[in-house]
Amino acid sequence: MGRGGSRDKMEEKTVVILGATGSIGTQTLDVLKKLKGFKLVGFTYHKNEELAEKIAKEFPGAAFVSTVEGLQAVEKFLESTRPDIVVLAVPGFSGFLLSMMAVSYTKRLALANKESMVCGGRFLKEKAKEEGVEIIPVDSEHSAVFQLMEEGIVKIAITASGGALRDWKLEDLEKAKPEDVLKHPVWSMGSRITVDSATMVNKAFEVLEAMELFDLRRAQIDVYIHRQGLVHGMVFLKDGTVKVHVSKPDMRIPIALAMTYPERLYEYLEFPDLETLSFERPDREKYPLFFLVDEIYDSYAKRTAFNASDEVAVQAFLDGRIGYLEIFRVVEGVVKRFDGSSVRDVQDLVEIDETARGMAWEKIERSSR
């Protein structure tokens, strides 16, 4: 992961957002409205054409294309714009495929797609190195660790909110409805990631992402539930020092840093109240899918199956087809059917993703009969 030199303040940086109409995308637009020296030259959207047209009016001259038109259309779009920075804000496995494409046409990838590292981190890092492209993390936790990293790291810690059901009793989880799960106590995010926060699948992804981004072993990454949402990451050094990153829970802060690094050009002078900071370990019974990370971290095949089955199960839950706890059973059942065989290339990952989705849908169909 690159740490580039000082930016020429007179040179305007061009930016493309892949996924401009989602949560991260719209917050990136907020940042661009305040930053000087950065110009949006293009963006993609999925199906929200009305919002896409509004963005185009707010940013005159910015080209745009729908990802519904397919990967070839997006690649042609990237080839024509060749921006200095691509903000990758498309969620899911499809976002990984776009990451692999984007590094051929940009100088810096501001990465807000976890699956890029979870499913194919090795392949993305290899390609980025070949192309001379920096990868700067956008996730608040990885941005925090990125800013704290130095020689002598023993381990790191990232934090989790615990999700909307963190204070529910175990026996009540079966009754949880989508509207309960989507009431996130700290962040405002998309539906899938909000459900993943409640199950802590999102934090399992972030552990895997941290392993890839910072070349760490699983044993070097701790996770704490931190209710206040102010501490995003910690780094433990060999002399007993612990460096802690604290900021308001606002994604515009790490988004801006990913674009402007190594400088801090975004002004956000709202400092957090540090009166109470609490940390606790995740409960294995409440968050069984988080602990599944210890069985899959060394296998790209299992990691890809983990993500694919979770995407399917979460959507089925949001659609009312399965209950909340069924998410656990679907994902665990699919992952256990993969033996951790080696992955040769991205096409292998695509096939594993498709197979795992099919398995997940089969389980959902059987459970709903």
Protein backbone atom coordinates (compact mmCIF):
# COMPACT_ATOMS: atom_id res chain seq x y z
CA MET A 1 0.00 0.00 0.00
CA GLY A 2 1.56 3.25 -1.12
CA ARG A 3 2.53 6.29 0.90
CA GLY A 4 3.08 8.92 -1.80
CA GLY A 5 5.11 12.09 -1.65
CA SER A 6 3.91 15.68 -1.23
CA ARG A 7 1.29 16.91 -3.68
CA ASP A 8 1.91 19.86 -5.97
CA LYS A 9 -0.69 22.33 -4.64
CA MET A 10 -1.00 24.01 -8.04
CA GLU A 11 -1.96 20.84 -9.84
CA GLU A 12 -5.65 19.98 -9.97
CA LYS A 13 -6.38 16.34 -9.20
CA THR A 14 -9.08 14.59 -11.22
CA VAL A 15 -11.47 12.21 -9.46
CA VAL A 16 -13.85 9.48 -10.59
CA ILE A 17 -16.33 7.94 -8.15
CA LEU A 18 -17.46 4.40 -8.84
CA GLY A 19 -20.77 4.18 -7.01
CA ALA A 20 -21.63 7.87 -6.59
CA THR A 21 -25.26 7.39 -5.59
CA GLY A 22 -24.59 5.19 -2.54
CA SER A 23 -23.74 6.25 1.00
CA ILE A 24 -19.96 6.54 0.52
CA GLY A 25 -20.42 8.04 -2.93
CA THR A 26 -22.71 10.85 -1.80
CA GLN A 27 -20.43 11.65 1.13
CA THR A 28 -17.49 11.80 -1.28
CA LEU A 29 -19.44 14.38 -3.26
CA ASP A 30 -19.90 16.39 -0.05
CA VAL A 31 -16.13 16.33 0.44
CA LEU A 32 -15.43 17.40 -3.14
CA LYS A 33 -17.71 20.41 -2.75
CA LYS A 34 -15.42 21.67 0.03
CA LEU A 35 -12.00 20.63 -1.29
CA LYS A 36 -10.04 22.95 -3.54
CA GLY A 37 -7.80 21.47 -6.22
CA PHE A 38 -9.88 18.34 -6.80
CA LYS A 39 -12.27 17.99 -9.73
CA LEU A 40 -14.91 15.34 -10.33
CA VAL A 41 -14.54 14.25 -13.95
CA GLY A 42 -16.82 11.25 -13.85
CA PHE A 43 -18.91 8.83 -11.83
CA THR A 44 -20.91 5.64 -12.10
CA TYR A 45 -24.31 4.85 -10.66
CA HIS A 46 -26.40 1.70 -10.57
CA LYS A 47 -30.12 2.33 -11.09
CA ASN A 48 -30.78 5.69 -9.43
CA GLU A 49 -30.92 7.73 -12.64
CA GLU A 50 -32.71 10.64 -11.00
CA LEU A 51 -29.91 11.16 -8.48
CA ALA A 52 -27.27 10.65 -11.19
CA GLU A 53 -28.76 13.48 -13.23
CA LYS A 54 -28.84 15.71 -10.15
CA ILE A 55 -25.15 15.00 -9.51
CA ALA A 56 -24.33 15.81 -13.14
CA LYS A 57 -25.98 19.23 -12.73
CA GLU A 58 -24.07 19.91 -9.50
CA PHE A 59 -20.76 18.92 -11.11
CA PRO A 60 -20.85 20.28 -14.68
CA GLY A 61 -18.60 18.44 -17.09
CA ALA A 62 -18.56 15.20 -15.14
CA ALA A 63 -19.25 12.19 -17.35
CA PHE A 64 -21.33 9.33 -16.01
CA VAL A 65 -22.36 5.80 -16.86
CA SER A 66 -24.57 3.15 -15.23
CA THR A 67 -22.94 -0.05 -14.02
CA VAL A 68 -26.08 -1.79 -15.31
CA GLU A 69 -24.53 -1.38 -18.77
CA GLY A 70 -21.83 -3.86 -17.75
CA LEU A 71 -18.12 -4.03 -17.00
CA GLN A 72 -17.09 -3.23 -20.56
CA ALA A 73 -18.98 0.06 -20.49
CA VAL A 74 -17.36 0.99 -17.17
CA GLU A 75 -13.91 0.09 -18.49
CA LYS A 76 -14.39 2.24 -21.58
CA PHE A 77 -15.51 5.05 -19.27
CA LEU A 78 -12.38 4.69 -17.09
CA GLU A 79 -10.15 4.55 -20.15
CA SER A 80 -11.61 7.81 -21.44
CA THR A 81 -11.30 9.66 -18.11
CA ARG A 82 -8.04 8.19 -16.70
CA PRO A 83 -8.40 10.06 -13.39
CA ASP A 84 -5.71 10.70 -10.81
CA ILE A 85 -7.94 9.17 -8.14
CA VAL A 86 -10.68 6.54 -8.27
CA VAL A 87 -12.93 6.35 -5.23
CA LEU A 88 -14.23 2.78 -5.23
CA ALA A 89 -17.59 2.93 -3.45
CA VAL A 90 -19.43 0.02 -5.11
CA PRO A 91 -20.27 -2.66 -2.51
CA GLY A 92 -20.11 -6.42 -2.88
CA PHE A 93 -18.14 -8.80 -5.08
CA SER A 94 -18.86 -6.67 -8.14
CA GLY A 95 -16.89 -3.90 -6.45
CA PHE A 96 -13.85 -6.18 -6.34
CA LEU A 97 -14.06 -6.72 -10.10
CA LEU A 98 -14.25 -2.95 -10.58
CA SER A 99 -11.20 -2.48 -8.32
CA MET A 100 -9.21 -4.88 -10.48
CA MET A 101 -10.24 -2.85 -13.51
CA ALA A 102 -9.70 0.59 -11.98
CA VAL A 103 -6.02 0.12 -11.12
CA SER A 104 -5.24 0.04 -14.84
CA TYR A 105 -6.51 3.59 -15.31
CA THR A 106 -5.62 5.60 -12.21
CA LYS A 107 -2.75 6.61 -9.93
CA ARG A 108 -4.54 6.13 -6.60
CA LEU A 109 -7.36 3.83 -5.54
CA ALA A 110 -9.30 5.19 -2.56
CA LEU A 111 -10.78 1.87 -1.50
CA ALA A 112 -14.15 1.67 0.24
CA ASN A 113 -14.98 -1.85 -0.96
CA LYS A 114 -14.12 -4.52 1.61
CA GLU A 115 -14.61 -7.44 -0.77
CA SER A 116 -11.65 -6.29 -2.84
CA MET A 117 -9.34 -7.39 -0.04
CA VAL A 118 -11.54 -10.10 1.48
CA CYS A 119 -12.03 -12.07 -1.73
CA GLY A 120 -9.04 -11.16 -3.85
CA GLY A 121 -6.57 -9.08 -1.89
CA ARG A 122 -3.53 -10.86 -3.30
CA PHE A 123 -4.61 -10.31 -6.89
CA LEU A 124 -5.51 -6.65 -6.39
CA LYS A 125 -2.27 -5.86 -4.56
CA GLU A 126 -0.19 -7.60 -7.22
CA LYS A 127 -1.89 -5.70 -10.03
CA ALA A 128 -1.66 -2.37 -8.20
CA LYS A 129 2.06 -2.93 -7.66
CA GLU A 130 2.57 -3.74 -11.34
CA GLU A 131 0.71 -0.58 -12.36
CA GLY A 132 2.38 1.61 -9.72
CA VAL A 133 -0.97 2.48 -8.12
CA GLU A 134 -1.41 3.51 -4.47
CA ILE A 135 -4.18 1.87 -2.47
CA ILE A 136 -5.42 4.07 0.37
CA PRO A 137 -8.15 2.68 2.64
CA VAL A 138 -11.39 4.59 3.16
CA ASP A 139 -12.95 2.45 5.92
CA SER A 140 -12.69 4.46 9.13
CA GLU A 141 -10.92 1.64 10.99
CA HIS A 142 -8.32 0.98 8.31
CA SER A 143 -7.80 4.67 7.72
CA ALA A 144 -7.11 4.99 11.44
CA VAL A 145 -4.54 2.18 11.45
CA PHE A 146 -3.00 3.53 8.23
CA GLN A 147 -2.39 6.86 9.97
CA LEU A 148 -0.91 5.22 13.08
CA MET A 149 1.40 2.69 11.45
CA GLU A 150 5.11 2.81 12.21
CA GLU A 151 8.00 0.42 12.80
CA GLY A 152 7.76 -1.95 15.75
CA ILE A 153 4.12 -2.96 15.40
CA VAL A 154 3.19 -5.91 17.61
CA LYS A 155 -0.54 -5.89 16.91
CA ILE A 156 -3.45 -3.62 16.07
CA ALA A 157 -7.02 -3.31 17.24
CA ILE A 158 -10.08 -2.15 15.35
CA THR A 159 -13.39 -1.23 16.89
CA ALA A 160 -17.00 -2.22 16.27
CA SER A 161 -20.28 -0.70 17.33
CA GLY A 162 -21.89 -4.08 18.01
CA GLY A 163 -24.80 -3.12 15.76
CA ALA A 164 -28.42 -2.36 16.45
CA LEU A 165 -29.05 -5.57 18.43
CA ARG A 166 -26.06 -5.34 20.73
CA ASP A 167 -28.23 -5.03 23.85
CA TRP A 168 -30.83 -7.61 22.84
CA LYS A 169 -31.03 -10.86 24.78
CA LEU A 170 -29.95 -13.97 22.89
CA GLU A 171 -33.40 -15.50 23.13
CA ASP A 172 -34.94 -12.43 21.45
CA LEU A 173 -32.71 -12.38 18.35
CA GLU A 174 -34.99 -14.80 16.50
CA LYS A 175 -37.71 -12.12 16.59
CA ALA A 176 -35.56 -9.35 15.06
CA LYS A 177 -37.09 -7.72 11.99
CA PRO A 178 -35.30 -5.71 9.28
CA GLU A 179 -36.59 -2.45 10.76
CA ASP A 180 -34.97 -3.39 14.10
CA VAL A 181 -31.63 -4.29 12.54
CA LEU A 182 -31.45 -1.16 10.37
CA LYS A 183 -31.50 1.18 13.40
CA HIS A 184 -27.71 1.50 13.64
CA PRO A 185 -26.62 3.14 16.91
CA VAL A 186 -23.70 5.13 15.43
CA TRP A 187 -23.38 5.19 11.63
CA SER A 188 -25.73 5.93 8.74
CA MET A 189 -24.93 3.32 6.08
CA GLY A 190 -26.46 1.17 3.35
CA SER A 191 -28.85 -1.65 4.25
CA ARG A 192 -26.50 -4.60 3.75
CA ILE A 193 -23.61 -3.15 5.73
CA THR A 194 -26.01 -2.17 8.53
CA VAL A 195 -27.19 -5.78 8.80
CA ASP A 196 -23.56 -6.93 8.59
CA SER A 197 -22.82 -4.60 11.49
CA ALA A 198 -25.50 -6.32 13.59
CA THR A 199 -24.10 -9.79 12.83
CA MET A 200 -20.50 -8.45 12.93
CA VAL A 201 -19.84 -10.03 9.54
CA ASN A 202 -18.70 -6.54 8.61
CA LYS A 203 -16.03 -6.70 11.30
CA ALA A 204 -14.93 -10.15 10.11
CA PHE A 205 -14.45 -8.58 6.68
CA GLU A 206 -12.46 -5.76 8.25
CA VAL A 207 -10.14 -8.22 10.01
CA LEU A 208 -9.44 -9.89 6.68
CA GLU A 209 -9.00 -6.49 5.03
CA ALA A 210 -6.52 -5.42 7.70
CA MET A 211 -4.51 -8.60 7.19
CA GLU A 212 -4.19 -7.77 3.50
CA LEU A 213 -3.62 -4.01 3.77
CA PHE A 214 -1.02 -4.14 6.52
CA ASP A 215 0.52 -7.60 5.97
CA LEU A 216 -0.52 -8.82 9.41
CA ARG A 217 -1.28 -12.27 10.77
CA ARG A 218 -4.74 -13.01 12.15
CA ALA A 219 -3.27 -13.24 15.66
CA GLN A 220 -2.07 -9.63 15.38
CA ILE A 221 -5.58 -8.16 15.05
CA ASP A 222 -7.88 -7.59 18.01
CA VAL A 223 -11.47 -6.37 17.88
CA TYR A 224 -13.32 -4.46 20.58
CA ILE A 225 -16.92 -3.33 20.74
CA HIS A 226 -16.72 0.41 21.37
CA ARG A 227 -20.13 1.94 21.93
CA GLN A 228 -19.18 5.60 21.58
CA GLY A 229 -17.89 5.21 18.00
CA LEU A 230 -15.02 7.65 18.59
CA VAL A 231 -11.99 5.33 18.68
CA HIS A 232 -11.56 3.74 15.26
CA GLY A 233 -8.23 1.97 15.55
CA MET A 234 -5.27 1.30 17.83
CA VAL A 235 -1.68 0.26 17.21
CA PHE A 236 0.36 -1.59 19.85
CA LEU A 237 4.12 -1.02 19.68
CA LYS A 238 6.94 -3.20 20.98
CA ASP A 239 7.88 -0.75 23.74
CA GLY A 240 4.43 -1.02 25.34
CA THR A 241 3.04 2.14 23.75
CA VAL A 242 -0.50 2.12 22.38
CA LYS A 243 -1.37 4.74 19.74
CA VAL A 244 -5.09 5.50 19.49
CA HIS A 245 -6.96 7.20 16.66
CA VAL A 246 -10.00 9.24 17.75
CA SER A 247 -12.44 11.23 15.64
CA LYS A 248 -16.14 11.88 15.21
CA PRO A 249 -17.93 9.01 13.43
CA ASP A 250 -18.19 10.79 10.07
CA MET A 251 -17.06 8.98 6.93
CA ARG A 252 -16.23 12.25 5.21
CA ILE A 253 -13.07 12.46 7.32
CA PRO A 254 -11.39 9.23 6.07
CA ILE A 255 -12.78 9.81 2.55
CA ALA A 256 -11.07 13.19 2.39
CA LEU A 257 -7.80 11.82 3.74
CA ALA A 258 -7.76 9.02 1.15
CA MET A 259 -7.92 11.64 -1.58
CA THR A 260 -5.59 14.29 -0.12
CA TYR A 261 -2.96 12.14 1.65
CA PRO A 262 -0.23 12.88 2.70
CA GLU A 263 -1.79 16.30 3.34
CA ARG A 264 -4.88 17.08 5.39
CA LEU A 265 -6.82 19.59 3.33
CA TYR A 266 -10.34 18.92 4.60
CA GLU A 267 -11.53 21.11 7.48
CA TYR A 268 -13.80 19.44 10.02
CA LEU A 269 -13.37 21.19 13.34
CA GLU A 270 -15.83 19.19 15.42
CA PHE A 271 -13.85 17.37 18.07
CA PRO A 272 -15.29 14.43 20.02
CA ASP A 273 -16.24 14.40 23.69
CA LEU A 274 -13.77 12.04 25.39
CA GLU A 275 -15.50 11.88 28.76
CA THR A 276 -16.42 8.18 28.43
CA LEU A 277 -14.65 5.57 26.33
CA SER A 278 -15.55 1.90 26.85
CA PHE A 279 -14.31 -1.31 25.24
CA GLU A 280 -15.58 -4.88 25.43
CA ARG A 281 -14.93 -8.18 23.68
CA PRO A 282 -17.52 -9.53 21.21
CA ASP A 283 -19.81 -12.27 22.53
CA ARG A 284 -19.29 -15.56 20.67
CA GLU A 285 -22.93 -16.60 21.09
CA LYS A 286 -24.36 -13.31 19.84
CA TYR A 287 -21.90 -12.93 16.94
CA PRO A 288 -21.04 -16.46 15.73
CA LEU A 289 -20.33 -15.32 12.16
CA PHE A 290 -17.64 -12.93 13.34
CA PHE A 291 -15.76 -15.83 14.91
CA LEU A 292 -16.06 -17.80 11.67
CA VAL A 293 -13.21 -15.58 10.43
CA ASP A 294 -10.79 -17.80 12.37
CA GLU A 295 -11.76 -20.76 10.17
CA ILE A 296 -11.53 -18.97 6.81
CA TYR A 297 -8.80 -16.32 7.02
CA ASP A 298 -6.18 -18.43 5.22
CA SER A 299 -8.41 -19.44 2.27
CA TYR A 300 -9.53 -17.09 -0.51
CA ALA A 301 -12.05 -19.73 -1.59
CA LYS A 302 -13.75 -19.82 1.82
CA ARG A 303 -13.53 -16.04 2.16
CA THR A 304 -15.26 -15.58 -1.20
CA ALA A 305 -17.94 -18.13 -0.27
CA PHE A 306 -18.39 -16.31 3.06
CA ASN A 307 -19.02 -13.02 1.28
CA ALA A 308 -21.27 -14.46 -1.44
CA SER A 309 -23.50 -16.39 0.95
CA ASP A 310 -23.76 -13.38 3.24
CA GLU A 311 -24.80 -11.09 0.37
CA VAL A 312 -27.58 -13.54 -0.52
CA ALA A 313 -28.70 -14.25 3.04
CA VAL A 314 -28.83 -10.58 4.04
CA GLN A 315 -30.91 -9.70 1.00
CA ALA A 316 -33.27 -12.59 1.76
CA PHE A 317 -33.64 -11.30 5.32
CA LEU A 318 -34.31 -7.74 4.13
CA ASP A 319 -36.91 -9.13 1.71
CA GLY A 320 -38.66 -10.98 4.55
CA ARG A 321 -37.89 -14.45 3.19
CA ILE A 322 -35.86 -15.65 6.19
CA GLY A 323 -35.49 -14.73 9.83
CA TYR A 324 -32.48 -12.97 11.36
CA LEU A 325 -30.84 -16.09 12.82
CA GLU A 326 -31.27 -17.88 9.50
CA ILE A 327 -28.55 -15.57 8.14
CA PHE A 328 -26.11 -17.37 10.45
CA ARG A 329 -27.26 -20.82 9.40
CA VAL A 330 -27.15 -20.07 5.66
CA VAL A 331 -23.68 -18.52 5.71
CA GLU A 332 -22.10 -21.10 7.99
CA GLY A 333 -23.67 -23.95 6.02
CA VAL A 334 -22.33 -22.68 2.69
CA VAL A 335 -18.82 -21.91 3.96
CA LYS A 336 -18.43 -25.38 5.43
CA ARG A 337 -19.01 -26.90 1.97
CA PHE A 338 -15.78 -25.36 0.65
CA ASP A 339 -12.53 -27.16 1.38
CA GLY A 340 -10.14 -24.23 1.13
CA SER A 341 -8.54 -25.33 -2.13
CA SER A 342 -6.11 -22.92 -3.73
CA VAL A 343 -7.30 -20.12 -6.00
CA ARG A 344 -5.30 -19.63 -9.19
CA ASP A 345 -6.80 -16.44 -10.58
CA VAL A 346 -9.73 -14.03 -10.54
CA GLN A 347 -11.82 -16.33 -12.74
CA ASP A 348 -11.62 -18.99 -10.01
CA LEU A 349 -13.03 -16.43 -7.58
CA VAL A 350 -15.85 -15.56 -9.97
CA GLU A 351 -16.81 -19.24 -10.22
CA ILE A 352 -16.63 -19.72 -6.44
CA ASP A 353 -18.79 -16.64 -5.94
CA GLU A 354 -21.43 -17.96 -8.35
CA THR A 355 -21.40 -21.44 -6.80
CA ALA A 356 -21.71 -20.13 -3.25
CA ARG A 357 -24.63 -17.89 -4.21
CA GLY A 358 -26.41 -20.88 -5.71
CA MET A 359 -25.85 -22.90 -2.54
CA ALA A 360 -27.16 -20.05 -0.39
CA TRP A 361 -30.32 -19.69 -2.47
CA GLU A 362 -30.90 -23.46 -2.25
CA LYS A 363 -30.74 -23.29 1.55
CA ILE A 364 -33.09 -20.31 1.61
CA GLU A 365 -35.59 -22.04 -0.67
CA ARG A 366 -35.58 -25.14 1.55
CA SER A 367 -36.03 -23.14 4.74
CA SER A 368 -38.96 -21.16 3.33
CA ARG A 369 -40.98 -24.19 2.21
